[in-house]
Amino acid sequence: MSEYFLVRPESELNFTQAAKVAGVSYSTFRSWVQDGRVPVIQMGEKIRRVRYADALALRRRTGPEPSTDIDPYIEAVVAAAPQLTEGQLDRLRAVTNGGVAA
Protein backbone atom coordinates (compact mmCIF):
# COMPACT_ATOMS: atom_id res chain seq x y z
CA MET A 1 0.00 0.00 0.00
CA SER A 2 1.22 3.48 -0.81
CA GLU A 3 2.42 5.71 2.02
CA TYR A 4 0.15 8.49 0.74
CA PHE A 5 -3.49 8.36 -0.21
CA LEU A 6 -6.06 10.94 -1.26
CA VAL A 7 -9.11 11.45 0.91
CA ARG A 8 -12.04 13.79 1.16
CA PRO A 9 -13.19 15.05 4.56
CA GLU A 10 -16.18 12.71 4.45
CA SER A 11 -14.08 9.69 3.45
CA GLU A 12 -14.24 6.48 5.43
CA LEU A 13 -10.87 4.88 6.15
CA ASN A 14 -9.80 1.42 7.15
CA PHE A 15 -7.87 1.12 10.41
CA THR A 16 -4.45 1.14 8.71
CA GLN A 17 -5.21 4.36 6.88
CA ALA A 18 -6.83 5.95 9.93
CA ALA A 19 -3.80 5.09 12.10
CA LYS A 20 -1.53 6.85 9.60
CA VAL A 21 -3.75 9.93 9.61
CA ALA A 22 -3.87 9.90 13.43
CA GLY A 23 -0.07 9.58 13.55
CA VAL A 24 -0.01 6.42 15.65
CA SER A 25 0.79 2.76 15.12
CA TYR A 26 -1.85 0.33 13.94
CA SER A 27 -1.84 -1.49 17.29
CA THR A 28 -2.29 1.78 19.21
CA PHE A 29 -5.17 2.73 16.96
CA ARG A 30 -6.83 -0.68 17.44
CA SER A 31 -6.53 -0.33 21.22
CA TRP A 32 -8.19 3.10 21.00
CA VAL A 33 -11.05 1.53 19.03
CA GLN A 34 -11.42 -1.21 21.67
CA ASP A 35 -11.39 1.42 24.44
CA GLY A 36 -14.14 3.38 22.68
CA ARG A 37 -11.96 6.44 22.04
CA VAL A 38 -12.59 6.24 18.29
CA PRO A 39 -16.06 6.27 16.76
CA VAL A 40 -16.36 3.54 14.14
CA ILE A 41 -18.82 2.82 11.36
CA GLN A 42 -19.92 -0.81 11.13
CA MET A 43 -20.05 -1.66 7.40
CA GLY A 44 -20.74 -5.37 7.79
CA GLU A 45 -20.16 -8.20 10.20
CA LYS A 46 -16.36 -7.76 10.18
CA ILE A 47 -15.81 -4.53 8.26
CA ARG A 48 -15.43 -1.31 10.23
CA ARG A 49 -14.40 2.13 9.01
CA VAL A 50 -13.40 5.43 10.60
CA ARG A 51 -14.29 8.86 9.27
CA TYR A 52 -11.28 10.83 8.05
CA ALA A 53 -12.34 13.82 10.16
CA ASP A 54 -12.38 11.65 13.31
CA ALA A 55 -8.89 10.28 12.60
CA LEU A 56 -7.58 13.79 11.94
CA ALA A 57 -9.11 15.05 15.19
CA LEU A 58 -7.21 12.32 17.06
CA ARG A 59 -3.95 13.54 15.54
CA ARG A 60 -4.62 17.06 16.71
CA ARG A 61 -5.45 15.88 20.24
CA THR A 62 -2.52 13.48 20.62
CA GLY A 63 0.23 15.28 18.72
CA PRO A 64 3.07 16.92 20.60
CA GLU A 65 2.76 20.57 21.47
CA PRO A 66 5.07 22.67 19.31
CA SER A 67 7.99 24.15 21.17
CA THR A 68 9.43 27.58 20.52
CA ASP A 69 12.30 27.17 22.98
CA ILE A 70 15.35 26.71 20.74
CA ASP A 71 18.00 27.34 23.40
CA PRO A 72 18.58 23.62 24.16
CA TYR A 73 19.14 22.96 20.46
CA ILE A 74 21.57 25.86 20.12
CA GLU A 75 23.48 24.65 23.18
CA ALA A 76 23.69 21.14 21.71
CA VAL A 77 25.05 22.47 18.39
CA VAL A 78 27.62 24.65 20.17
CA ALA A 79 28.71 21.77 22.41
CA ALA A 80 29.17 19.49 19.38
CA ALA A 81 31.08 22.07 17.33
CA PRO A 82 34.84 21.66 16.92
CA GLN A 83 37.21 24.01 18.71
CA LEU A 84 38.00 27.08 16.59
CA THR A 85 41.55 28.14 15.81
CA GLU A 86 42.77 31.59 16.83
CA GLY A 87 42.53 32.72 13.18
CA GLN A 88 38.95 31.53 12.93
CA LEU A 89 38.09 33.31 16.18
CA ASP A 90 39.65 36.55 14.83
CA ARG A 91 37.59 36.24 11.65
CA LEU A 92 34.42 35.58 13.65
CA ARG A 93 35.09 38.62 15.85
CA ALA A 94 35.61 40.77 12.77
CA VAL A 95 32.34 39.62 11.24
CA THR A 96 30.30 40.05 14.40
CA ASN A 97 31.78 43.47 15.24
CA GLY A 98 30.66 45.10 12.01
CA GLY A 99 33.83 44.22 10.12
CA VAL A 100 36.19 45.81 12.67
CA ALA A 101 38.81 43.41 14.03
CA ALA A 102 38.96 43.34 17.81
PDB file of N, CA and C in Angstrom:
ATOM      1  N   MET A   1       0.837  -1.179   0.000  1.00  0.00           N
ATOM      2  CA  MET A   1       0.000   0.000   0.000  1.00  0.00           C
ATOM      3  C   MET A   1       0.879   1.239   0.000  1.00  0.00           C
ATOM      4  N   SER A   2       0.468   2.240  -0.711  1.00  0.00           N
ATOM      5  CA  SER A   2       1.221   3.478  -0.807  1.00  0.00           C
ATOM      6  C   SER A   2       1.240   4.197   0.536  1.00  0.00           C
ATOM      7  N   GLU A   3       2.294   4.930   0.789  1.00  0.00           N
ATOM      8  CA  GLU A   3       2.424   5.709   2.016  1.00  0.00           C
ATOM      9  C   GLU A   3       1.407   6.865   2.028  1.00  0.00           C
ATOM     10  N   TYR A   4       1.063   7.361   0.852  1.00  0.00           N
ATOM     11  CA  TYR A   4       0.147   8.486   0.739  1.00  0.00           C
ATOM     12  C   TYR A   4      -1.131   8.057   0.046  1.00  0.00           C
ATOM     13  N   PHE A   5      -2.228   8.646   0.433  1.00  0.00           N
ATOM     14  CA  PHE A   5      -3.489   8.361  -0.212  1.00  0.00           C
ATOM     15  C   PHE A   5      -4.336   9.621  -0.179  1.00  0.00           C
ATOM     16  N   LEU A   6      -5.198   9.771  -1.164  1.00  0.00           N
ATOM     17  CA  LEU A   6      -6.057  10.944  -1.258  1.00  0.00           C
ATOM     18  C   LEU A   6      -7.384  10.665  -0.575  1.00  0.00           C
ATOM     19  N   VAL A   7      -7.838  11.624   0.226  1.00  0.00           N
ATOM     20  CA  VAL A   7      -9.112  11.454   0.907  1.00  0.00           C
ATOM     21  C   VAL A   7      -9.890  12.760   0.873  1.00  0.00           C
ATOM     22  N   ARG A   8     -11.178  12.634   0.993  1.00  0.00           N
ATOM     23  CA  ARG A   8     -12.043  13.793   1.163  1.00  0.00           C
ATOM     24  C   ARG A   8     -12.435  13.825   2.630  1.00  0.00           C
ATOM     25  N   PRO A   9     -12.839  14.973   3.142  1.00  0.00           N
ATOM     26  CA  PRO A   9     -13.190  15.048   4.564  1.00  0.00           C
ATOM     27  C   PRO A   9     -14.229  14.023   4.990  1.00  0.00           C
ATOM     28  N   GLU A  10     -15.137  13.665   4.098  1.00  0.00           N
ATOM     29  CA  GLU A  10     -16.182  12.707   4.454  1.00  0.00           C
ATOM     30  C   GLU A  10     -15.774  11.258   4.196  1.00  0.00           C
ATOM     31  N   SER A  11     -14.547  11.035   3.771  1.00  0.00           N
ATOM     32  CA  SER A  11     -14.076   9.687   3.452  1.00  0.00           C
ATOM     33  C   SER A  11     -14.097   8.776   4.670  1.00  0.00           C
ATOM     34  N   GLU A  12     -14.285   7.502   4.390  1.00  0.00           N
ATOM     35  CA  GLU A  12     -14.243   6.482   5.431  1.00  0.00           C
ATOM     36  C   GLU A  12     -12.988   5.659   5.210  1.00  0.00           C
ATOM     37  N   LEU A  13     -12.173   5.522   6.241  1.00  0.00           N
ATOM     38  CA  LEU A  13     -10.867   4.884   6.148  1.00  0.00           C
ATOM     39  C   LEU A  13     -10.864   3.547   6.854  1.00  0.00           C
ATOM     40  N   ASN A  14     -10.019   2.630   6.373  1.00  0.00           N
ATOM     41  CA  ASN A  14      -9.802   1.415   7.145  1.00  0.00           C
ATOM     42  C   ASN A  14      -8.866   1.756   8.305  1.00  0.00           C
ATOM     43  N   PHE A  15      -8.648   0.817   9.204  1.00  0.00           N
ATOM     44  CA  PHE A  15      -7.869   1.120  10.406  1.00  0.00           C
ATOM     45  C   PHE A  15      -6.418   1.463  10.083  1.00  0.00           C
ATOM     46  N   THR A  16      -5.841   0.839   9.086  1.00  0.00           N
ATOM     47  CA  THR A  16      -4.449   1.135   8.709  1.00  0.00           C
ATOM     48  C   THR A  16      -4.324   2.575   8.239  1.00  0.00           C
ATOM     49  N   GLN A  17      -5.228   2.990   7.378  1.00  0.00           N
ATOM     50  CA  GLN A  17      -5.213   4.361   6.880  1.00  0.00           C
ATOM     51  C   GLN A  17      -5.489   5.353   8.005  1.00  0.00           C
ATOM     52  N   ALA A  18      -6.469   5.050   8.836  1.00  0.00           N
ATOM     53  CA  ALA A  18      -6.832   5.945   9.933  1.00  0.00           C
ATOM     54  C   ALA A  18      -5.679   6.094  10.927  1.00  0.00           C
ATOM     55  N   ALA A  19      -4.956   5.010  11.189  1.00  0.00           N
ATOM     56  CA  ALA A  19      -3.803   5.085  12.097  1.00  0.00           C
ATOM     57  C   ALA A  19      -2.741   6.015  11.536  1.00  0.00           C
ATOM     58  N   LYS A  20      -2.508   5.949  10.219  1.00  0.00           N
ATOM     59  CA  LYS A  20      -1.534   6.855   9.598  1.00  0.00           C
ATOM     60  C   LYS A  20      -1.974   8.298   9.724  1.00  0.00           C
ATOM     61  N   VAL A  21      -3.244   8.563   9.488  1.00  0.00           N
ATOM     62  CA  VAL A  21      -3.752   9.933   9.615  1.00  0.00           C
ATOM     63  C   VAL A  21      -3.638  10.415  11.053  1.00  0.00           C
ATOM     64  N   ALA A  22      -3.941   9.535  12.014  1.00  0.00           N
ATOM     65  CA  ALA A  22      -3.868   9.899  13.427  1.00  0.00           C
ATOM     66  C   ALA A  22      -2.430  10.025  13.927  1.00  0.00           C
ATOM     67  N   GLY A  23      -1.475   9.481  13.156  1.00  0.00           N
ATOM     68  CA  GLY A  23      -0.069   9.581  13.548  1.00  0.00           C
ATOM     69  C   GLY A  23       0.343   8.598  14.617  1.00  0.00           C
ATOM     70  N   VAL A  24      -0.328   7.444  14.656  1.00  0.00           N
ATOM     71  CA  VAL A  24      -0.005   6.422  15.649  1.00  0.00           C
ATOM     72  C   VAL A  24       0.147   5.080  14.952  1.00  0.00           C
ATOM     73  N   SER A  25       0.643   4.102  15.684  1.00  0.00           N
ATOM     74  CA  SER A  25       0.789   2.763  15.118  1.00  0.00           C
ATOM     75  C   SER A  25      -0.580   2.103  14.980  1.00  0.00           C
ATOM     76  N   TYR A  26      -0.609   1.092  14.137  1.00  0.00           N
ATOM     77  CA  TYR A  26      -1.853   0.331  13.938  1.00  0.00           C
ATOM     78  C   TYR A  26      -2.343  -0.267  15.253  1.00  0.00           C
ATOM     79  N   SER A  27      -1.427  -0.838  16.029  1.00  0.00           N
ATOM     80  CA  SER A  27      -1.841  -1.486  17.289  1.00  0.00           C
ATOM     81  C   SER A  27      -2.379  -0.458  18.288  1.00  0.00           C
ATOM     82  N   THR A  28      -1.776   0.722  18.338  1.00  0.00           N
ATOM     83  CA  THR A  28      -2.287   1.784  19.213  1.00  0.00           C
ATOM     84  C   THR A  28      -3.689   2.186  18.778  1.00  0.00           C
ATOM     85  N   PHE A  29      -3.862   2.341  17.469  1.00  0.00           N
ATOM     86  CA  PHE A  29      -5.166   2.731  16.960  1.00  0.00           C
ATOM     87  C   PHE A  29      -6.222   1.677  17.294  1.00  0.00           C
ATOM     88  N   ARG A  30      -5.885   0.406  17.120  1.00  0.00           N
ATOM     89  CA  ARG A  30      -6.830  -0.676  17.440  1.00  0.00           C
ATOM     90  C   ARG A  30      -7.199  -0.650  18.926  1.00  0.00           C
ATOM     91  N   SER A  31      -6.217  -0.381  19.785  1.00  0.00           N
ATOM     92  CA  SER A  31      -6.531  -0.332  21.219  1.00  0.00           C
ATOM     93  C   SER A  31      -7.446   0.847  21.526  1.00  0.00           C
ATOM     94  N   TRP A  32      -7.285   1.956  20.821  1.00  0.00           N
ATOM     95  CA  TRP A  32      -8.186   3.099  20.996  1.00  0.00           C
ATOM     96  C   TRP A  32      -9.604   2.730  20.574  1.00  0.00           C
ATOM     97  N   VAL A  33      -9.724   1.980  19.487  1.00  0.00           N
ATOM     98  CA  VAL A  33     -11.047   1.534  19.032  1.00  0.00           C
ATOM     99  C   VAL A  33     -11.674   0.653  20.105  1.00  0.00           C
ATOM    100  N   GLN A  34     -10.901  -0.301  20.642  1.00  0.00           N
ATOM    101  CA  GLN A  34     -11.420  -1.209  21.672  1.00  0.00           C
ATOM    102  C   GLN A  34     -11.809  -0.463  22.942  1.00  0.00           C
ATOM    103  N   ASP A  35     -11.081   0.618  23.250  1.00  0.00           N
ATOM    104  CA  ASP A  35     -11.388   1.425  24.439  1.00  0.00           C
ATOM    105  C   ASP A  35     -12.557   2.377  24.217  1.00  0.00           C
ATOM    106  N   GLY A  36     -13.030   2.487  22.977  1.00  0.00           N
ATOM    107  CA  GLY A  36     -14.138   3.376  22.677  1.00  0.00           C
ATOM    108  C   GLY A  36     -13.736   4.817  22.429  1.00  0.00           C
ATOM    109  N   ARG A  37     -12.437   5.078  22.285  1.00  0.00           N
ATOM    110  CA  ARG A  37     -11.962   6.443  22.038  1.00  0.00           C
ATOM    111  C   ARG A  37     -12.190   6.890  20.600  1.00  0.00           C
ATOM    112  N   VAL A  38     -12.430   5.942  19.710  1.00  0.00           N
ATOM    113  CA  VAL A  38     -12.588   6.235  18.290  1.00  0.00           C
ATOM    114  C   VAL A  38     -13.974   5.788  17.840  1.00  0.00           C
ATOM    115  N   PRO A  39     -14.764   6.705  17.297  1.00  0.00           N
ATOM    116  CA  PRO A  39     -16.056   6.270  16.758  1.00  0.00           C
ATOM    117  C   PRO A  39     -15.854   5.506  15.455  1.00  0.00           C
ATOM    118  N   VAL A  40     -16.502   4.366  15.335  1.00  0.00           N
ATOM    119  CA  VAL A  40     -16.362   3.543  14.136  1.00  0.00           C
ATOM    120  C   VAL A  40     -17.710   3.369  13.450  1.00  0.00           C
ATOM    121  N   ILE A  41     -17.639   3.086  12.162  1.00  0.00           N
ATOM    122  CA  ILE A  41     -18.822   2.815  11.359  1.00  0.00           C
ATOM    123  C   ILE A  41     -18.798   1.330  11.031  1.00  0.00           C
ATOM    124  N   GLN A  42     -19.836   0.624  11.422  1.00  0.00           N
ATOM    125  CA  GLN A  42     -19.923  -0.808  11.133  1.00  0.00           C
ATOM    126  C   GLN A  42     -20.468  -0.969   9.722  1.00  0.00           C
ATOM    127  N   MET A  43     -19.664  -1.525   8.799  1.00  0.00           N
ATOM    128  CA  MET A  43     -20.049  -1.664   7.398  1.00  0.00           C
ATOM    129  C   MET A  43     -20.570  -3.068   7.099  1.00  0.00           C
ATOM    130  N   GLY A  44     -20.340  -3.983   7.966  1.00  0.00           N
ATOM    131  CA  GLY A  44     -20.738  -5.375   7.793  1.00  0.00           C
ATOM    132  C   GLY A  44     -20.378  -6.118   9.058  1.00  0.00           C
ATOM    133  N   GLU A  45     -20.441  -7.427   8.997  1.00  0.00           N
ATOM    134  CA  GLU A  45     -20.158  -8.201  10.198  1.00  0.00           C
ATOM    135  C   GLU A  45     -18.726  -7.975  10.698  1.00  0.00           C
ATOM    136  N   LYS A  46     -17.758  -7.906   9.781  1.00  0.00           N
ATOM    137  CA  LYS A  46     -16.356  -7.762  10.178  1.00  0.00           C
ATOM    138  C   LYS A  46     -15.703  -6.488   9.656  1.00  0.00           C
ATOM    139  N   ILE A  47     -16.414  -5.710   8.876  1.00  0.00           N
ATOM    140  CA  ILE A  47     -15.809  -4.527   8.256  1.00  0.00           C
ATOM    141  C   ILE A  47     -16.208  -3.279   9.030  1.00  0.00           C
ATOM    142  N   ARG A  48     -15.199  -2.558   9.515  1.00  0.00           N
ATOM    143  CA  ARG A  48     -15.431  -1.307  10.228  1.00  0.00           C
ATOM    144  C   ARG A  48     -14.589  -0.215   9.584  1.00  0.00           C
ATOM    145  N   ARG A  49     -15.096   0.992   9.585  1.00  0.00           N
ATOM    146  CA  ARG A  49     -14.397   2.135   9.013  1.00  0.00           C
ATOM    147  C   ARG A  49     -14.412   3.287  10.009  1.00  0.00           C
ATOM    148  N   VAL A  50     -13.510   4.234   9.770  1.00  0.00           N
ATOM    149  CA  VAL A  50     -13.401   5.432  10.602  1.00  0.00           C
ATOM    150  C   VAL A  50     -13.484   6.639   9.677  1.00  0.00           C
ATOM    151  N   ARG A  51     -14.223   7.635  10.070  1.00  0.00           N
ATOM    152  CA  ARG A  51     -14.294   8.859   9.273  1.00  0.00           C
ATOM    153  C   ARG A  51     -12.943   9.564   9.305  1.00  0.00           C
ATOM    154  N   TYR A  52     -12.548  10.088   8.156  1.00  0.00           N
ATOM    155  CA  TYR A  52     -11.283  10.826   8.048  1.00  0.00           C
ATOM    156  C   TYR A  52     -11.234  11.951   9.081  1.00  0.00           C
ATOM    157  N   ALA A  53     -12.320  12.698   9.217  1.00  0.00           N
ATOM    158  CA  ALA A  53     -12.340  13.819  10.160  1.00  0.00           C
ATOM    159  C   ALA A  53     -12.091  13.353  11.593  1.00  0.00           C
ATOM    160  N   ASP A  54     -12.607  12.177  11.961  1.00  0.00           N
ATOM    161  CA  ASP A  54     -12.383  11.653  13.314  1.00  0.00           C
ATOM    162  C   ASP A  54     -10.917  11.269  13.524  1.00  0.00           C
ATOM    163  N   ALA A  55     -10.313  10.651  12.506  1.00  0.00           N
ATOM    164  CA  ALA A  55      -8.893  10.276  12.605  1.00  0.00           C
ATOM    165  C   ALA A  55      -8.023  11.520  12.692  1.00  0.00           C
ATOM    166  N   LEU A  56      -8.350  12.544  11.915  1.00  0.00           N
ATOM    167  CA  LEU A  56      -7.579  13.791  11.938  1.00  0.00           C
ATOM    168  C   LEU A  56      -7.716  14.484  13.286  1.00  0.00           C
ATOM    169  N   ALA A  57      -8.903  14.442  13.867  1.00  0.00           N
ATOM    170  CA  ALA A  57      -9.112  15.045  15.189  1.00  0.00           C
ATOM    171  C   ALA A  57      -8.255  14.356  16.245  1.00  0.00           C
ATOM    172  N   LEU A  58      -8.076  13.041  16.115  1.00  0.00           N
ATOM    173  CA  LEU A  58      -7.210  12.318  17.057  1.00  0.00           C
ATOM    174  C   LEU A  58      -5.776  12.798  16.945  1.00  0.00           C
ATOM    175  N   ARG A  59      -5.316  13.052  15.733  1.00  0.00           N
ATOM    176  CA  ARG A  59      -3.950  13.541  15.537  1.00  0.00           C
ATOM    177  C   ARG A  59      -3.761  14.876  16.234  1.00  0.00           C
ATOM    178  N   ARG A  60      -4.729  15.736  16.106  1.00  0.00           N
ATOM    179  CA  ARG A  60      -4.625  17.062  16.714  1.00  0.00           C
ATOM    180  C   ARG A  60      -4.635  16.986  18.229  1.00  0.00           C
ATOM    181  N   ARG A  61      -5.383  16.014  18.784  1.00  0.00           N
ATOM    182  CA  ARG A  61      -5.449  15.876  20.242  1.00  0.00           C
ATOM    183  C   ARG A  61      -4.226  15.192  20.819  1.00  0.00           C
ATOM    184  N   THR A  62      -3.606  14.281  20.058  1.00  0.00           N
ATOM    185  CA  THR A  62      -2.525  13.475  20.619  1.00  0.00           C
ATOM    186  C   THR A  62      -1.144  13.937  20.184  1.00  0.00           C
ATOM    187  N   GLY A  63      -1.069  14.830  19.221  1.00  0.00           N
ATOM    188  CA  GLY A  63       0.228  15.280  18.720  1.00  0.00           C
ATOM    189  C   GLY A  63       0.968  16.097  19.758  1.00  0.00           C
ATOM    190  N   PRO A  64       2.291  16.142  19.640  1.00  0.00           N
ATOM    191  CA  PRO A  64       3.073  16.923  20.602  1.00  0.00           C
ATOM    192  C   PRO A  64       2.817  18.410  20.431  1.00  0.00           C
ATOM    193  N   GLU A  65       2.899  19.125  21.519  1.00  0.00           N
ATOM    194  CA  GLU A  65       2.763  20.573  21.466  1.00  0.00           C
ATOM    195  C   GLU A  65       4.028  21.159  20.835  1.00  0.00           C
ATOM    196  N   PRO A  66       3.873  22.079  19.911  1.00  0.00           N
ATOM    197  CA  PRO A  66       5.065  22.669  19.305  1.00  0.00           C
ATOM    198  C   PRO A  66       5.844  23.479  20.337  1.00  0.00           C
ATOM    199  N   SER A  67       7.133  23.422  20.233  1.00  0.00           N
ATOM    200  CA  SER A  67       7.990  24.146  21.165  1.00  0.00           C
ATOM    201  C   SER A  67       8.674  25.296  20.442  1.00  0.00           C
ATOM    202  N   THR A  68       8.733  26.436  21.094  1.00  0.00           N
ATOM    203  CA  THR A  68       9.432  27.584  20.519  1.00  0.00           C
ATOM    204  C   THR A  68      10.753  27.830  21.239  1.00  0.00           C
ATOM    205  N   ASP A  69      11.059  27.007  22.223  1.00  0.00           N
ATOM    206  CA  ASP A  69      12.298  27.165  22.979  1.00  0.00           C
ATOM    207  C   ASP A  69      13.434  26.486  22.215  1.00  0.00           C
ATOM    208  N   ILE A  70      14.267  27.280  21.547  1.00  0.00           N
ATOM    209  CA  ILE A  70      15.349  26.709  20.739  1.00  0.00           C
ATOM    210  C   ILE A  70      16.686  26.693  21.473  1.00  0.00           C
ATOM    211  N   ASP A  71      16.735  27.274  22.665  1.00  0.00           N
ATOM    212  CA  ASP A  71      18.004  27.338  23.397  1.00  0.00           C
ATOM    213  C   ASP A  71      18.653  25.971  23.605  1.00  0.00           C
ATOM    214  N   PRO A  72      17.923  24.918  23.996  1.00  0.00           N
ATOM    215  CA  PRO A  72      18.583  23.615  24.165  1.00  0.00           C
ATOM    216  C   PRO A  72      19.214  23.100  22.866  1.00  0.00           C
ATOM    217  N   TYR A  73      18.592  23.400  21.737  1.00  0.00           N
ATOM    218  CA  TYR A  73      19.137  22.958  20.457  1.00  0.00           C
ATOM    219  C   TYR A  73      20.402  23.741  20.102  1.00  0.00           C
ATOM    220  N   ILE A  74      20.379  25.032  20.364  1.00  0.00           N
ATOM    221  CA  ILE A  74      21.569  25.856  20.117  1.00  0.00           C
ATOM    222  C   ILE A  74      22.718  25.387  20.997  1.00  0.00           C
ATOM    223  N   GLU A  75      22.439  25.124  22.259  1.00  0.00           N
ATOM    224  CA  GLU A  75      23.478  24.653  23.180  1.00  0.00           C
ATOM    225  C   GLU A  75      24.058  23.320  22.717  1.00  0.00           C
ATOM    226  N   ALA A  76      23.216  22.438  22.195  1.00  0.00           N
ATOM    227  CA  ALA A  76      23.690  21.143  21.711  1.00  0.00           C
ATOM    228  C   ALA A  76      24.589  21.308  20.494  1.00  0.00           C
ATOM    229  N   VAL A  77      24.234  22.218  19.584  1.00  0.00           N
ATOM    230  CA  VAL A  77      25.054  22.466  18.394  1.00  0.00           C
ATOM    231  C   VAL A  77      26.396  23.060  18.802  1.00  0.00           C
ATOM    232  N   VAL A  78      26.370  24.020  19.715  1.00  0.00           N
ATOM    233  CA  VAL A  78      27.620  24.655  20.169  1.00  0.00           C
ATOM    234  C   VAL A  78      28.513  23.634  20.867  1.00  0.00           C
ATOM    235  N   ALA A  79      27.924  22.785  21.695  1.00  0.00           N
ATOM    236  CA  ALA A  79      28.710  21.771  22.408  1.00  0.00           C
ATOM    237  C   ALA A  79      29.338  20.766  21.455  1.00  0.00           C
ATOM    238  N   ALA A  80      28.653  20.474  20.337  1.00  0.00           N
ATOM    239  CA  ALA A  80      29.168  19.491  19.384  1.00  0.00           C
ATOM    240  C   ALA A  80      30.139  20.094  18.371  1.00  0.00           C
ATOM    241  N   ALA A  81      30.221  21.411  18.328  1.00  0.00           N
ATOM    242  CA  ALA A  81      31.078  22.073  17.328  1.00  0.00           C
ATOM    243  C   ALA A  81      32.557  21.877  17.674  1.00  0.00           C
ATOM    244  N   PRO A  82      33.402  21.782  16.659  1.00  0.00           N
ATOM    245  CA  PRO A  82      34.843  21.661  16.921  1.00  0.00           C
ATOM    246  C   PRO A  82      35.411  22.960  17.471  1.00  0.00           C
ATOM    247  N   GLN A  83      36.525  22.841  18.157  1.00  0.00           N
ATOM    248  CA  GLN A  83      37.213  24.010  18.711  1.00  0.00           C
ATOM    249  C   GLN A  83      37.747  24.875  17.569  1.00  0.00           C
ATOM    250  N   LEU A  84      37.533  26.172  17.636  1.00  0.00           N
ATOM    251  CA  LEU A  84      38.004  27.075  16.592  1.00  0.00           C
ATOM    252  C   LEU A  84      39.463  27.447  16.828  1.00  0.00           C
ATOM    253  N   THR A  85      40.164  27.659  15.715  1.00  0.00           N
ATOM    254  CA  THR A  85      41.553  28.137  15.811  1.00  0.00           C
ATOM    255  C   THR A  85      41.535  29.627  16.134  1.00  0.00           C
ATOM    256  N   GLU A  86      42.677  30.152  16.515  1.00  0.00           N
ATOM    257  CA  GLU A  86      42.766  31.587  16.825  1.00  0.00           C
ATOM    258  C   GLU A  86      42.434  32.434  15.592  1.00  0.00           C
ATOM    259  N   GLY A  87      42.856  32.001  14.415  1.00  0.00           N
ATOM    260  CA  GLY A  87      42.535  32.718  13.181  1.00  0.00           C
ATOM    261  C   GLY A  87      41.035  32.722  12.899  1.00  0.00           C
ATOM    262  N   GLN A  88      40.393  31.600  13.131  1.00  0.00           N
ATOM    263  CA  GLN A  88      38.945  31.530  12.935  1.00  0.00           C
ATOM    264  C   GLN A  88      38.211  32.422  13.932  1.00  0.00           C
ATOM    265  N   LEU A  89      38.691  32.439  15.180  1.00  0.00           N
ATOM    266  CA  LEU A  89      38.086  33.305  16.183  1.00  0.00           C
ATOM    267  C   LEU A  89      38.238  34.777  15.797  1.00  0.00           C
ATOM    268  N   ASP A  90      39.434  35.163  15.281  1.00  0.00           N
ATOM    269  CA  ASP A  90      39.647  36.547  14.833  1.00  0.00           C
ATOM    270  C   ASP A  90      38.677  36.906  13.705  1.00  0.00           C
ATOM    271  N   ARG A  91      38.503  35.997  12.770  1.00  0.00           N
ATOM    272  CA  ARG A  91      37.588  36.243  11.649  1.00  0.00           C
ATOM    273  C   ARG A  91      36.151  36.371  12.159  1.00  0.00           C
ATOM    274  N   LEU A  92      35.760  35.534  13.079  1.00  0.00           N
ATOM    275  CA  LEU A  92      34.418  35.582  13.645  1.00  0.00           C
ATOM    276  C   LEU A  92      34.190  36.892  14.396  1.00  0.00           C
ATOM    277  N   ARG A  93      35.197  37.332  15.139  1.00  0.00           N
ATOM    278  CA  ARG A  93      35.094  38.615  15.850  1.00  0.00           C
ATOM    279  C   ARG A  93      34.946  39.766  14.861  1.00  0.00           C
ATOM    280  N   ALA A  94      35.692  39.713  13.777  1.00  0.00           N
ATOM    281  CA  ALA A  94      35.611  40.770  12.770  1.00  0.00           C
ATOM    282  C   ALA A  94      34.224  40.808  12.129  1.00  0.00           C
ATOM    283  N   VAL A  95      33.666  39.677  11.868  1.00  0.00           N
ATOM    284  CA  VAL A  95      32.340  39.623  11.238  1.00  0.00           C
ATOM    285  C   VAL A  95      31.265  40.089  12.198  1.00  0.00           C
ATOM    286  N   THR A  96      31.358  39.703  13.445  1.00  0.00           N
ATOM    287  CA  THR A  96      30.299  40.046  14.405  1.00  0.00           C
ATOM    288  C   THR A  96      30.458  41.446  14.969  1.00  0.00           C
ATOM    289  N   ASN A  97      31.575  42.091  14.765  1.00  0.00           N
ATOM    290  CA  ASN A  97      31.780  43.474  15.240  1.00  0.00           C
ATOM    291  C   ASN A  97      31.652  44.468  14.101  1.00  0.00           C
ATOM    292  N   GLY A  98      30.871  44.178  13.124  1.00  0.00           N
ATOM    293  CA  GLY A  98      30.659  45.102  12.012  1.00  0.00           C
ATOM    294  C   GLY A  98      31.857  45.226  11.098  1.00  0.00           C
ATOM    295  N   GLY A  99      32.686  44.209  11.031  1.00  0.00           N
ATOM    296  CA  GLY A  99      33.830  44.223  10.121  1.00  0.00           C
ATOM    297  C   GLY A  99      35.082  44.828  10.731  1.00  0.00           C
ATOM    298  N   VAL A 100      35.026  45.221  12.006  1.00  0.00           N
ATOM    299  CA  VAL A 100      36.188  45.805  12.673  1.00  0.00           C
ATOM    300  C   VAL A 100      36.832  44.722  13.521  1.00  0.00           C
ATOM    301  N   ALA A 101      38.107  44.430  13.251  1.00  0.00           N
ATOM    302  CA  ALA A 101      38.806  43.409  14.032  1.00  0.00           C
ATOM    303  C   ALA A 101      38.987  43.897  15.456  1.00  0.00           C
ATOM    304  N   ALA A 102      38.818  42.990  16.400  1.00  0.00           N
ATOM    305  CA  ALA A 102      38.956  43.340  17.814  1.00  0.00           C
ATOM    306  C   ALA A 102      40.406  43.384  18.221  1.00  0.00           C
TER     307      ALA A 102
END
